[in-house]
Amino acid sequence: MKWQILNEITNFKVDDILKALLENRGLKAKKEIEEFLNPIDPKDFTAKELGIKANEVKKALLRVNRAIEKNESIIVYGDYDADGICATAILWETLYRLTKNVLPYIPERVTEGYGLNKEAILKLKTQDPNLKLIITVDHGIVAKEKIAYAKELGIDVIVCDHHQLGKENPICEAIIHTDKICAAAIAWFMARELINGQGLTTDYLDLVAIATISDLEPLLGVNRSFAKYGLQSLNKTKRCGLLAIMEEAGITPGQIGTFEVSYIIAPRLNAMGRMEHALESLRLICTSKNTQAKELAAKLGATNRERQALTAETAVHAKDLLRQEMVNNKLPKLIFLYHEIYQEGVIGLVAGKLAEEFGRPAIVVSRGEIHSKASARSINGFNIIEAIRASSDLLIDAGGHPMAAGFTVETAKIELLKQKLLETAEKELSEEALQKTLKIDLELPLEAISRKLWDELEKLAPFGLGNPEPVFKARAIVKDFRIVGNDGKHLKLTLSPFPLANSRLPIVYSAIAFNQGYLEEKLRVGDEIEFAYSLSLNSWNGDQKLELKIKDIKKL
């Protein structure tokens, strides 16, 4: 793996380290630094700051209020991922406080697919002829034909979406669109505007935090505000459903950060939409009954474990298939795999694993008899949705972002589409762009580590896309190491500073190298190493201790 050192300092005082880290995140001006360290309260955001057109919000509010006044039925039509589920919960709960004529709807992934579909629209209208308004959340911006169909049935549509715009916007009552924030944040803004001046209060920032972090929004600017204030709300949440998830997963309210959201809470919410039906996750979020919350949390936990097993099994198969397809043992610049055994619910996760492991865009297709569905994940510098839409003549539909997308294709056209995308990647991606690079903030010898430094680093949190956890480089001598973890995948090390002349002996540092158990065969006690690491604070029986999380190791 190639290392890229972003900054250099010679004085390892805490203030100088912090200044360098802020510079690496593009923050030099005093005002920028102040706003980063003390983000604006989301409640003070204007539509303009969120990239939302105020006149569209006004049109949406007028139509919603008219529906409420006329006792028209409203459907909040969501999506089956964590962002779509949270967005649905926010808007449905808010509207339910204003009118009882509102219901949520989330499509079933396999039988209905993503977004609006004509069959569901007709079914909803047939069940309730009084249905006059659908509000989409986390989809709709490219659903021109389906929105026109709803209009034919006498249903107005308001679109709330953050996905990349298509060639033409749908004709509808209002379009609340921005690509700066997630769908739940858009729903939160709409909820805020709906209750403005009506004497009602709302928070919902706990749900916005889950959505912002899980949907991989860059945690800078407005998203940093949503994440920071939202995590504060999440750690104090009164929602029995979220508390039940935390209890089932063995995590403690008050200690929830981006890691717990990304790897514990959001995967459980997503699991139902991947394996069964996302309505169960919505019920969990919205329930006020502790018994139901615990039952649903147990179901989500069990389903998530099934999802993990299926994802791992599919990833192994995909890697085997990739090896079979390689020419002269060389990876293509874009990975494109399809198979009939790949379940639609996990192909996005598998594509993400392949893109991460091999450092190139990956597309995984669940092959059907007539139609096939695909998920794509990309790398920086390759806009995957643009590449996919360049072959729109071969597609049934497509949508997404520059880094993640999905599409449906006729099965007979998969191979043709694959060749076109491989050609695009061959032209646009250089070998340098495909080289896996670890960005390291700066060199920081072990002697410079302190609890004071840790406390200052915490001011940069929450960490995530756009604001990565600080990574440092240092040298050390290996004093001890051993394999840990049930599956033997991780390596626990004890290190001492190197060169010895600069160290305050007998200091040693505890380190963990996740998913690097294979290094056991290459390391020896006494080896001098150079390594990239981040810091973590471990708590055990009331004792707190700094630990090194090793990203990569090179022997000197």
Protein backbone atom coordinates (compact mmCIF):
# COMPACT_ATOMS: atom_id res chain seq x y z
CA MET A 1 0.00 0.00 0.00
CA LYS A 2 1.27 3.46 -0.92
CA TRP A 3 1.55 6.03 1.89
CA GLN A 4 0.83 9.71 1.30
CA ILE A 5 2.05 12.05 4.05
CA LEU A 6 -0.16 15.15 4.05
CA ASN A 7 1.80 17.44 6.38
CA GLU A 8 5.08 17.82 8.23
CA ILE A 9 5.84 19.41 11.59
CA THR A 10 9.02 19.52 13.65
CA ASN A 11 7.48 20.72 16.91
CA PHE A 12 5.17 18.14 18.43
CA LYS A 13 3.29 20.44 20.77
CA VAL A 14 -0.43 19.69 20.92
CA ASP A 15 -1.42 23.04 19.39
CA ASP A 16 0.92 22.50 16.43
CA ILE A 17 -0.43 19.00 15.86
CA LEU A 18 -4.02 20.28 15.91
CA LYS A 19 -3.17 23.12 13.50
CA ALA A 20 -1.64 20.66 11.02
CA LEU A 21 -4.68 18.37 11.23
CA LEU A 22 -7.02 21.28 10.54
CA GLU A 23 -4.89 22.32 7.55
CA ASN A 24 -5.15 18.78 6.18
CA ARG A 25 -8.92 19.19 6.25
CA GLY A 26 -8.71 22.45 4.28
CA LEU A 27 -9.27 24.64 7.34
CA LYS A 28 -6.92 27.60 7.68
CA ALA A 29 -9.04 30.73 8.10
CA LYS A 30 -10.05 31.59 11.66
CA LYS A 31 -13.77 31.63 10.81
CA GLU A 32 -13.61 28.21 9.11
CA ILE A 33 -11.82 26.70 12.08
CA GLU A 34 -14.29 28.22 14.54
CA GLU A 35 -17.29 26.86 12.58
CA PHE A 36 -15.63 23.44 12.37
CA LEU A 37 -14.86 23.22 16.07
CA ASN A 38 -18.21 24.76 17.05
CA PRO A 39 -20.73 23.75 14.36
CA ILE A 40 -23.94 25.71 13.85
CA ASP A 41 -27.05 24.30 15.53
CA PRO A 42 -29.12 22.71 12.70
CA LYS A 43 -32.21 24.46 14.05
CA ASP A 44 -30.70 27.71 12.74
CA PHE A 45 -30.13 26.50 9.17
CA THR A 46 -31.90 28.27 6.32
CA ALA A 47 -33.11 26.51 3.17
CA LYS A 48 -30.33 28.22 1.21
CA GLU A 49 -27.62 26.89 3.53
CA LEU A 50 -28.93 23.37 2.91
CA GLY A 51 -29.07 23.87 -0.86
CA ILE A 52 -32.88 23.75 -0.88
CA LYS A 53 -34.97 26.16 -2.96
CA ALA A 54 -37.17 28.19 -0.60
CA ASN A 55 -39.91 28.65 -3.21
CA GLU A 56 -40.24 24.86 -3.57
CA VAL A 57 -40.57 24.53 0.20
CA LYS A 58 -43.31 27.16 0.14
CA LYS A 59 -45.20 25.26 -2.57
CA ALA A 60 -44.85 22.01 -0.64
CA LEU A 61 -46.14 23.55 2.59
CA LEU A 62 -49.14 25.07 0.83
CA ARG A 63 -50.07 21.70 -0.70
CA VAL A 64 -49.63 19.79 2.58
CA ASN A 65 -51.66 22.34 4.53
CA ARG A 66 -54.41 22.18 1.92
CA ALA A 67 -54.50 18.39 2.26
CA ILE A 68 -54.78 18.74 6.04
CA GLU A 69 -57.57 21.34 5.78
CA LYS A 70 -59.55 19.19 3.32
CA ASN A 71 -58.97 15.95 5.25
CA GLU A 72 -57.27 14.39 2.22
CA SER A 73 -55.29 11.21 2.74
CA ILE A 74 -51.51 11.47 2.53
CA ILE A 75 -48.89 8.77 1.98
CA VAL A 76 -45.26 9.25 3.00
CA TYR A 77 -43.57 6.93 0.49
CA GLY A 78 -40.11 5.99 1.72
CA ASP A 79 -37.19 3.71 0.97
CA TYR A 80 -35.85 0.53 2.58
CA ASP A 81 -32.41 1.71 3.72
CA ALA A 82 -31.60 3.43 7.04
CA ASP A 83 -31.79 6.90 5.48
CA GLY A 84 -35.14 6.21 3.84
CA ILE A 85 -36.54 4.56 6.97
CA CYS A 86 -35.48 7.45 9.22
CA ALA A 87 -36.78 10.01 6.71
CA THR A 88 -40.14 8.21 6.58
CA ALA A 89 -40.37 8.11 10.38
CA ILE A 90 -39.59 11.82 10.74
CA LEU A 91 -42.12 13.03 8.19
CA TRP A 92 -44.87 10.53 9.05
CA GLU A 93 -44.69 11.23 12.81
CA THR A 94 -44.73 14.99 12.19
CA LEU A 95 -47.70 14.84 9.83
CA TYR A 96 -49.56 12.46 12.16
CA ARG A 97 -49.52 15.18 14.82
CA LEU A 98 -51.25 17.47 12.33
CA THR A 99 -53.66 15.00 10.70
CA LYS A 100 -54.66 11.40 11.28
CA ASN A 101 -55.12 10.89 7.52
CA VAL A 102 -51.50 9.95 6.87
CA LEU A 103 -49.76 6.59 6.51
CA PRO A 104 -46.19 5.52 5.75
CA TYR A 105 -45.35 3.20 2.85
CA ILE A 106 -42.07 1.45 2.14
CA PRO A 107 -41.76 -0.86 -0.89
CA GLU A 108 -40.55 -4.45 -0.63
CA ARG A 109 -37.07 -4.63 -2.18
CA VAL A 110 -37.37 -7.78 -4.29
CA THR A 111 -40.98 -7.66 -5.52
CA GLU A 112 -41.35 -3.87 -5.87
CA GLY A 113 -37.84 -2.48 -6.09
CA TYR A 114 -36.56 0.98 -5.35
CA GLY A 115 -38.80 4.03 -5.38
CA LEU A 116 -42.26 4.57 -6.78
CA ASN A 117 -43.93 1.82 -8.78
CA LYS A 118 -47.22 1.96 -10.64
CA GLU A 119 -48.65 -1.17 -9.00
CA ALA A 120 -48.16 0.28 -5.52
CA ILE A 121 -49.62 3.65 -6.51
CA LEU A 122 -52.73 1.97 -7.95
CA LYS A 123 -53.06 -0.31 -4.90
CA LEU A 124 -52.83 2.62 -2.50
CA LYS A 125 -55.42 4.60 -4.47
CA THR A 126 -57.77 1.61 -4.68
CA GLN A 127 -57.51 1.00 -0.94
CA ASP A 128 -58.20 4.66 -0.20
CA PRO A 129 -59.95 6.70 -2.92
CA ASN A 130 -59.40 9.76 -0.69
CA LEU A 131 -55.63 9.52 -1.32
CA LYS A 132 -54.73 12.85 -2.92
CA LEU A 133 -51.08 13.39 -1.96
CA ILE A 134 -47.91 11.29 -1.95
CA ILE A 135 -44.70 12.66 -0.46
CA THR A 136 -41.62 10.73 -1.55
CA VAL A 137 -38.57 10.63 0.70
CA ASP A 138 -35.15 9.41 -0.49
CA HIS A 139 -36.34 8.88 -4.07
CA GLY A 140 -38.51 10.38 -6.79
CA ILE A 141 -36.18 12.77 -8.58
CA VAL A 142 -35.95 10.49 -11.64
CA ALA A 143 -39.48 8.98 -11.37
CA LYS A 144 -40.99 11.17 -14.08
CA GLU A 145 -43.29 8.52 -15.60
CA LYS A 146 -44.51 7.13 -12.29
CA ILE A 147 -45.31 10.59 -10.96
CA ALA A 148 -47.25 11.31 -14.16
CA TYR A 149 -49.18 8.07 -13.58
CA ALA A 150 -50.04 9.15 -10.04
CA LYS A 151 -51.32 12.44 -11.44
CA GLU A 152 -53.59 10.50 -13.83
CA LEU A 153 -55.12 8.83 -10.77
CA GLY A 154 -55.76 12.19 -9.13
CA ILE A 155 -52.76 12.05 -6.78
CA ASP A 156 -50.41 14.99 -6.38
CA VAL A 157 -46.76 14.27 -5.58
CA ILE A 158 -44.14 16.17 -3.58
CA VAL A 159 -40.59 14.90 -4.09
CA CYS A 160 -38.04 15.01 -1.25
CA ASP A 161 -34.80 13.56 -2.59
CA HIS A 162 -31.03 13.97 -2.51
CA HIS A 163 -29.96 11.72 -5.37
CA GLN A 164 -28.32 13.00 -8.53
CA LEU A 165 -30.69 14.79 -10.89
CA GLY A 166 -31.75 13.15 -14.12
CA LYS A 167 -31.99 14.82 -17.53
CA GLU A 168 -35.46 16.16 -16.76
CA ASN A 169 -37.16 16.79 -13.44
CA PRO A 170 -40.59 15.24 -12.89
CA ILE A 171 -43.64 17.48 -13.14
CA CYS A 172 -45.12 17.60 -9.65
CA GLU A 173 -46.37 19.88 -6.87
CA ALA A 174 -42.91 20.63 -5.47
CA ILE A 175 -39.36 19.29 -5.55
CA ILE A 176 -37.41 19.56 -2.32
CA HIS A 177 -34.01 18.52 -3.61
CA THR A 178 -30.42 19.02 -2.51
CA ASP A 179 -27.34 16.84 -2.80
CA LYS A 180 -25.72 18.44 0.26
CA ILE A 181 -27.56 16.37 2.88
CA CYS A 182 -29.29 13.01 3.32
CA ALA A 183 -33.01 12.35 2.84
CA ALA A 184 -33.68 12.26 6.59
CA ALA A 185 -32.17 15.74 6.93
CA ILE A 186 -34.48 16.96 4.15
CA ALA A 187 -37.43 15.34 5.95
CA TRP A 188 -36.28 16.97 9.20
CA PHE A 189 -36.20 20.38 7.51
CA MET A 190 -39.69 19.84 6.10
CA ALA A 191 -40.92 18.74 9.55
CA ARG A 192 -39.41 21.85 11.10
CA GLU A 193 -41.15 24.08 8.59
CA LEU A 194 -44.47 22.26 8.93
CA ILE A 195 -44.69 22.75 12.69
CA ASN A 196 -43.24 26.26 12.66
CA GLY A 197 -45.52 28.56 14.64
CA GLN A 198 -47.98 25.79 15.60
CA GLY A 199 -46.80 25.44 19.17
CA LEU A 200 -45.40 21.96 18.57
CA THR A 201 -41.82 20.98 19.25
CA THR A 202 -39.72 18.35 17.57
CA ASP A 203 -36.20 17.04 17.63
CA TYR A 204 -35.66 14.00 15.40
CA LEU A 205 -31.95 14.81 15.19
CA ASP A 206 -31.21 11.36 16.62
CA LEU A 207 -32.67 9.87 13.43
CA VAL A 208 -30.91 12.43 11.23
CA ALA A 209 -27.57 11.44 12.77
CA ILE A 210 -28.17 7.75 12.00
CA ALA A 211 -29.11 8.59 8.40
CA THR A 212 -26.30 11.11 7.81
CA ILE A 213 -23.61 8.74 9.05
CA SER A 214 -25.00 5.54 7.50
CA ASP A 215 -25.59 7.18 4.10
CA LEU A 216 -21.93 8.27 4.03
CA GLU A 217 -22.51 11.99 3.81
CA PRO A 218 -19.23 13.97 4.12
CA LEU A 219 -19.05 15.08 7.75
CA LEU A 220 -18.16 18.67 6.96
CA GLY A 221 -20.23 21.86 6.90
CA VAL A 222 -23.93 21.28 7.43
CA ASN A 223 -23.52 17.51 7.72
CA ARG A 224 -21.00 17.98 10.52
CA SER A 225 -23.68 19.95 12.37
CA PHE A 226 -26.30 17.26 11.78
CA ALA A 227 -23.90 14.53 12.91
CA LYS A 228 -22.56 16.33 15.97
CA TYR A 229 -25.89 17.60 17.33
CA GLY A 230 -27.63 14.43 16.19
CA LEU A 231 -25.21 12.20 18.10
CA GLN A 232 -25.83 14.29 21.20
CA SER A 233 -29.56 13.70 20.69
CA LEU A 234 -29.04 9.98 19.99
CA ASN A 235 -27.07 9.54 23.21
CA LYS A 236 -30.02 11.02 25.13
CA THR A 237 -32.79 9.48 23.03
CA LYS A 238 -36.04 8.47 24.67
CA ARG A 239 -37.13 6.33 21.72
CA CYS A 240 -37.69 2.89 23.19
CA GLY A 241 -36.94 1.31 19.80
CA LEU A 242 -33.47 2.80 19.57
CA LEU A 243 -32.81 2.00 23.23
CA ALA A 244 -33.86 -1.60 22.55
CA ILE A 245 -31.42 -1.83 19.63
CA MET A 246 -28.62 -0.57 21.87
CA GLU A 247 -29.50 -3.07 24.59
CA GLU A 248 -29.71 -5.98 22.14
CA ALA A 249 -26.35 -5.00 20.60
CA GLY A 250 -24.64 -4.49 23.96
CA ILE A 251 -23.81 -0.81 23.53
CA THR A 252 -24.41 1.91 26.10
CA PRO A 253 -26.42 5.12 25.61
CA GLY A 254 -24.08 8.01 26.24
CA GLN A 255 -21.21 6.29 24.43
CA ILE A 256 -22.61 6.24 20.89
CA GLY A 257 -20.37 7.64 18.15
CA THR A 258 -19.99 7.26 14.41
CA PHE A 259 -18.56 3.73 14.80
CA GLU A 260 -21.59 2.49 16.76
CA VAL A 261 -23.96 4.04 14.21
CA SER A 262 -22.06 2.74 11.16
CA TYR A 263 -21.36 -0.79 12.36
CA ILE A 264 -24.01 -1.61 14.96
CA ILE A 265 -27.20 0.48 14.72
CA ALA A 266 -27.55 1.20 10.99
CA PRO A 267 -26.77 -2.37 9.84
CA ARG A 268 -29.62 -3.64 12.03
CA LEU A 269 -32.05 -1.12 10.55
CA ASN A 270 -30.83 -1.97 7.04
CA ALA A 271 -30.99 -5.73 7.59
CA MET A 272 -34.79 -5.91 7.40
CA GLY A 273 -34.90 -4.18 4.02
CA ARG A 274 -32.14 -6.45 2.75
CA MET A 275 -33.55 -9.76 4.00
CA GLU A 276 -37.28 -9.26 4.71
CA HIS A 277 -39.28 -6.00 4.88
CA ALA A 278 -38.09 -2.60 6.08
CA LEU A 279 -41.48 -1.84 7.63
CA GLU A 280 -40.29 -3.78 10.67
CA SER A 281 -37.43 -1.30 11.13
CA LEU A 282 -39.87 1.57 10.77
CA ARG A 283 -42.12 0.00 13.41
CA LEU A 284 -39.15 -0.31 15.75
CA ILE A 285 -38.23 3.36 15.38
CA CYS A 286 -41.80 4.59 15.83
CA THR A 287 -43.12 2.28 18.55
CA SER A 288 -43.87 3.62 22.02
CA LYS A 289 -44.29 0.14 23.53
CA ASN A 290 -41.27 -1.31 25.32
CA THR A 291 -42.36 -4.91 24.83
CA GLN A 292 -42.79 -4.47 21.08
CA ALA A 293 -39.48 -2.59 20.89
CA LYS A 294 -37.58 -5.46 22.51
CA GLU A 295 -39.26 -8.06 20.30
CA LEU A 296 -38.45 -6.08 17.16
CA ALA A 297 -34.88 -5.35 18.29
CA ALA A 298 -34.32 -9.09 18.79
CA LYS A 299 -35.69 -9.75 15.31
CA LEU A 300 -33.47 -7.07 13.76
CA GLY A 301 -30.42 -8.46 15.55
CA ALA A 302 -31.11 -12.02 14.37
CA THR A 303 -31.82 -10.86 10.81
CA ASN A 304 -28.62 -8.83 10.78
CA ARG A 305 -26.62 -11.91 11.73
CA GLU A 306 -28.23 -13.78 8.84
CA ARG A 307 -27.34 -10.86 6.58
CA GLN A 308 -23.71 -10.95 7.74
CA ALA A 309 -23.42 -14.65 6.97
CA LEU A 310 -25.00 -14.25 3.52
CA THR A 311 -22.77 -11.26 2.72
CA ALA A 312 -19.62 -13.16 3.69
CA GLU A 313 -20.70 -16.20 1.65
CA THR A 314 -21.51 -14.05 -1.40
CA ALA A 315 -18.23 -12.12 -1.12
CA VAL A 316 -16.23 -15.38 -1.15
CA HIS A 317 -18.11 -16.55 -4.25
CA ALA A 318 -17.61 -13.16 -5.94
CA LYS A 319 -13.85 -13.21 -5.32
CA ASP A 320 -13.61 -16.73 -6.73
CA LEU A 321 -15.55 -15.62 -9.80
CA LEU A 322 -13.30 -12.57 -10.16
CA ARG A 323 -10.19 -14.77 -10.11
CA GLN A 324 -11.68 -16.99 -12.81
CA GLU A 325 -12.38 -13.97 -15.03
CA MET A 326 -8.95 -12.36 -14.65
CA VAL A 327 -6.81 -12.31 -17.80
CA ASN A 328 -3.09 -12.99 -17.27
CA ASN A 329 -3.69 -12.72 -13.54
CA LYS A 330 -4.50 -9.01 -13.95
CA LEU A 331 -7.48 -7.25 -12.39
CA PRO A 332 -9.73 -5.20 -14.69
CA LYS A 333 -9.96 -1.49 -13.88
CA LEU A 334 -13.62 -1.99 -13.01
CA ILE A 335 -15.00 -5.13 -11.37
CA PHE A 336 -18.29 -6.30 -12.90
CA LEU A 337 -19.69 -9.61 -11.64
CA TYR A 338 -23.09 -11.23 -12.08
CA HIS A 339 -24.64 -14.50 -10.94
CA GLU A 340 -28.09 -15.92 -10.31
CA ILE A 341 -27.27 -16.92 -6.72
CA TYR A 342 -26.50 -13.34 -5.66
CA GLN A 343 -29.37 -12.03 -3.53
CA GLU A 344 -30.40 -8.48 -4.23
CA GLY A 345 -30.34 -7.48 -0.57
CA VAL A 346 -26.58 -7.93 -0.16
CA ILE A 347 -25.08 -7.09 -3.56
CA GLY A 348 -24.43 -3.48 -2.51
CA LEU A 349 -22.48 -4.66 0.53
CA VAL A 350 -20.46 -7.09 -1.57
CA ALA A 351 -19.72 -4.39 -4.16
CA GLY A 352 -18.50 -2.18 -1.33
CA LYS A 353 -16.20 -4.91 0.01
CA LEU A 354 -14.74 -5.53 -3.45
CA ALA A 355 -14.18 -1.82 -4.10
CA GLU A 356 -12.48 -1.45 -0.71
CA GLU A 357 -10.28 -4.53 -1.02
CA PHE A 358 -9.19 -4.07 -4.62
CA GLY A 359 -9.22 -0.26 -4.82
CA ARG A 360 -11.39 0.06 -7.91
CA PRO A 361 -15.08 0.51 -8.84
CA ALA A 362 -17.16 -2.62 -8.38
CA ILE A 363 -20.56 -3.62 -9.75
CA VAL A 364 -22.35 -6.74 -8.52
CA VAL A 365 -25.47 -7.95 -10.32
CA SER A 366 -28.24 -10.22 -9.06
CA ARG A 367 -29.02 -12.03 -12.31
CA GLY A 368 -32.68 -12.73 -12.98
CA GLU A 369 -34.42 -14.58 -15.80
CA ILE A 370 -35.64 -11.46 -17.58
CA HIS A 371 -34.46 -8.47 -15.53
CA SER A 372 -31.40 -8.15 -13.34
CA LYS A 373 -30.66 -5.68 -10.56
CA ALA A 374 -27.25 -4.26 -9.74
CA SER A 375 -25.46 -2.25 -7.08
CA ALA A 376 -22.30 -0.27 -7.73
CA ARG A 377 -19.65 1.24 -5.47
CA SER A 378 -16.86 3.49 -6.66
CA ILE A 379 -13.58 5.13 -5.70
CA ASN A 380 -12.62 8.79 -5.61
CA GLY A 381 -12.24 10.23 -9.10
CA PHE A 382 -14.70 7.93 -10.90
CA ASN A 383 -18.33 9.06 -11.03
CA ILE A 384 -20.10 5.72 -11.13
CA ILE A 385 -23.63 7.03 -11.77
CA GLU A 386 -22.44 9.10 -14.75
CA ALA A 387 -20.62 6.08 -16.16
CA ILE A 388 -23.76 3.97 -15.77
CA ARG A 389 -26.08 6.58 -17.26
CA ALA A 390 -23.79 6.89 -20.29
CA SER A 391 -25.23 3.49 -21.22
CA SER A 392 -28.83 4.49 -20.52
CA ASP A 393 -29.94 2.90 -23.81
CA LEU A 394 -29.19 -0.48 -22.24
CA LEU A 395 -30.89 0.22 -18.90
CA ILE A 396 -34.43 0.00 -17.58
CA ASP A 397 -33.65 2.51 -14.84
CA ALA A 398 -30.74 3.83 -12.79
CA GLY A 399 -30.11 6.18 -9.90
CA GLY A 400 -27.65 7.09 -7.21
CA HIS A 401 -24.60 9.17 -6.41
CA PRO A 402 -21.05 9.53 -7.78
CA MET A 403 -19.80 6.94 -5.26
CA ALA A 404 -22.76 4.54 -5.10
CA ALA A 405 -25.53 3.66 -7.52
CA GLY A 406 -28.00 1.02 -8.56
CA PHE A 407 -29.66 0.03 -11.80
CA THR A 408 -31.95 -2.49 -13.49
CA VAL A 409 -31.00 -4.04 -16.81
CA GLU A 410 -32.48 -6.65 -19.14
CA THR A 411 -30.60 -9.85 -18.42
CA ALA A 412 -29.89 -10.36 -22.12
CA LYS A 413 -27.99 -7.05 -22.16
CA ILE A 414 -25.77 -7.59 -19.10
CA GLU A 415 -22.68 -8.65 -21.02
CA LEU A 416 -22.97 -5.74 -23.46
CA LEU A 417 -23.34 -3.30 -20.58
CA LYS A 418 -20.37 -4.88 -18.83
CA GLN A 419 -18.13 -4.38 -21.86
CA LYS A 420 -19.19 -0.72 -22.23
CA LEU A 421 -18.46 0.02 -18.57
CA LEU A 422 -15.11 -1.80 -18.73
CA GLU A 423 -14.19 0.35 -21.75
CA THR A 424 -15.20 3.52 -19.88
CA ALA A 425 -13.10 2.56 -16.87
CA GLU A 426 -10.15 1.67 -19.09
CA LYS A 427 -10.23 5.16 -20.61
CA GLU A 428 -10.90 7.18 -17.46
CA LEU A 429 -8.95 5.40 -14.72
CA SER A 430 -5.17 5.60 -14.61
CA GLU A 431 -3.03 2.96 -12.91
CA GLU A 432 -2.07 5.58 -10.33
CA ALA A 433 -5.74 6.18 -9.47
CA LEU A 434 -6.13 2.45 -8.83
CA GLN A 435 -3.18 2.21 -6.49
CA LYS A 436 -4.43 1.86 -2.93
CA THR A 437 -3.21 4.86 -0.98
CA LEU A 438 -3.24 5.41 2.76
CA LYS A 439 -3.40 9.09 3.61
CA ILE A 440 -1.36 9.87 6.72
CA ASP A 441 -1.81 13.23 8.40
CA LEU A 442 1.74 13.55 9.71
CA GLU A 443 4.61 11.79 11.41
CA LEU A 444 4.03 11.64 15.15
CA PRO A 445 6.53 9.75 17.32
CA LEU A 446 5.09 7.67 20.13
CA GLU A 447 6.65 9.96 22.73
CA ALA A 448 4.35 12.77 21.56
CA ILE A 449 1.21 10.83 22.49
CA SER A 450 -0.60 12.05 25.60
CA ARG A 451 -4.05 12.22 27.15
CA LYS A 452 -4.02 15.96 26.45
CA LEU A 453 -3.49 15.23 22.74
CA TRP A 454 -6.38 12.74 22.81
CA ASP A 455 -8.69 15.33 24.37
CA GLU A 456 -7.80 17.81 21.60
CA LEU A 457 -8.31 15.19 18.88
CA GLU A 458 -11.80 14.55 20.24
CA LYS A 459 -12.69 18.15 19.33
CA LEU A 460 -12.34 17.14 15.67
CA ALA A 461 -15.00 14.43 16.02
CA PRO A 462 -17.37 13.17 14.73
CA PHE A 463 -15.17 11.40 12.18
CA GLY A 464 -16.31 9.95 8.90
CA LEU A 465 -16.24 10.59 5.18
CA GLY A 466 -14.69 14.02 4.53
CA ASN A 467 -13.34 14.24 8.07
CA PRO A 468 -11.40 11.03 8.61
CA GLU A 469 -10.01 9.95 11.93
CA PRO A 470 -6.45 11.38 12.20
CA VAL A 471 -3.78 8.93 11.06
CA PHE A 472 -0.13 9.24 12.09
CA LYS A 473 3.19 7.61 11.23
CA ALA A 474 5.76 6.42 13.76
CA ARG A 475 8.63 3.99 14.29
CA ALA A 476 8.84 1.36 17.01
CA ILE A 477 10.42 -1.88 18.14
CA VAL A 478 8.19 -4.94 18.43
CA LYS A 479 8.33 -6.18 22.02
CA ASP A 480 5.59 -8.79 21.74
CA PHE A 481 2.69 -9.86 19.50
CA ARG A 482 -0.06 -12.48 19.37
CA ILE A 483 -3.14 -13.44 17.38
CA VAL A 484 -6.48 -12.40 18.92
CA GLY A 485 -10.15 -12.71 18.01
CA ASN A 486 -12.35 -15.78 17.66
CA ASP A 487 -11.41 -16.14 14.00
CA GLY A 488 -7.73 -15.28 14.49
CA LYS A 489 -7.93 -12.34 12.14
CA HIS A 490 -6.43 -9.65 14.39
CA LEU A 491 -2.98 -8.99 15.81
CA LYS A 492 -2.26 -7.58 19.27
CA LEU A 493 1.16 -5.93 19.69
CA THR A 494 3.31 -4.35 22.37
CA LEU A 495 5.62 -1.65 21.00
CA SER A 496 8.37 0.55 22.37
CA PRO A 497 9.61 3.80 20.78
CA PHE A 498 12.39 3.72 18.17
CA PRO A 499 15.11 4.92 17.97
CA LEU A 500 15.79 4.14 21.61
CA ALA A 501 17.87 7.27 22.13
CA ASN A 502 14.74 9.42 21.87
CA SER A 503 12.54 7.34 24.15
CA ARG A 504 11.63 7.64 27.79
CA LEU A 505 12.14 4.01 28.73
CA PRO A 506 10.59 1.75 29.87
CA ILE A 507 7.44 3.06 28.12
CA VAL A 508 5.58 0.50 26.01
CA TYR A 509 2.44 0.96 23.94
CA SER A 510 -0.43 -1.42 23.39
CA ALA A 511 -1.54 -1.74 19.76
CA ILE A 512 -4.16 -3.64 17.79
CA ALA A 513 -4.00 -4.39 14.05
CA PHE A 514 -7.49 -5.37 12.91
CA ASN A 515 -7.70 -7.86 10.02
CA GLN A 516 -3.90 -8.13 9.91
CA GLY A 517 -3.43 -11.45 11.66
CA TYR A 518 -1.48 -12.66 8.62
CA LEU A 519 1.44 -10.49 9.79
CA GLU A 520 2.14 -13.01 12.56
CA GLU A 521 4.20 -15.06 10.09
CA LYS A 522 6.28 -12.06 9.00
CA LEU A 523 7.04 -10.34 12.31
CA ARG A 524 9.63 -11.20 14.94
CA VAL A 525 10.19 -9.84 18.45
CA GLY A 526 12.84 -7.13 18.16
CA ASP A 527 11.85 -6.09 14.63
CA GLU A 528 12.13 -2.39 13.89
CA ILE A 529 8.96 -1.24 12.13
CA GLU A 530 7.42 1.86 10.62
CA PHE A 531 3.66 1.95 10.91
CA ALA A 532 0.55 4.06 10.35
CA TYR A 533 -1.83 4.35 13.28
CA SER A 534 -4.72 6.19 14.88
CA LEU A 535 -5.51 6.56 18.57
CA SER A 536 -8.33 5.12 20.63
CA LEU A 537 -9.23 5.33 24.31
CA ASN A 538 -10.03 2.01 25.93
CA SER A 539 -12.03 1.83 29.15
CA TRP A 540 -11.87 -1.25 31.39
CA ASN A 541 -13.10 -1.47 34.97
CA GLY A 542 -12.98 2.30 35.31
CA ASP A 543 -9.41 2.49 33.97
CA GLN A 544 -8.80 4.42 30.75
CA LYS A 545 -5.81 3.76 28.54
CA LEU A 546 -4.71 5.00 25.12
CA GLU A 547 -4.24 2.31 22.48
CA LEU A 548 -2.78 2.42 18.97
CA LYS A 549 -4.97 1.18 16.11
CA ILE A 550 -2.53 0.11 13.40
CA LYS A 551 -3.56 0.71 9.79
CA ASP A 552 -0.44 -0.62 8.05
CA ILE A 553 3.05 -1.88 8.97
CA LYS A 554 6.35 -1.78 7.10
CA LYS A 555 9.50 -3.44 8.37
CA LEU A 556 12.60 -1.21 8.38
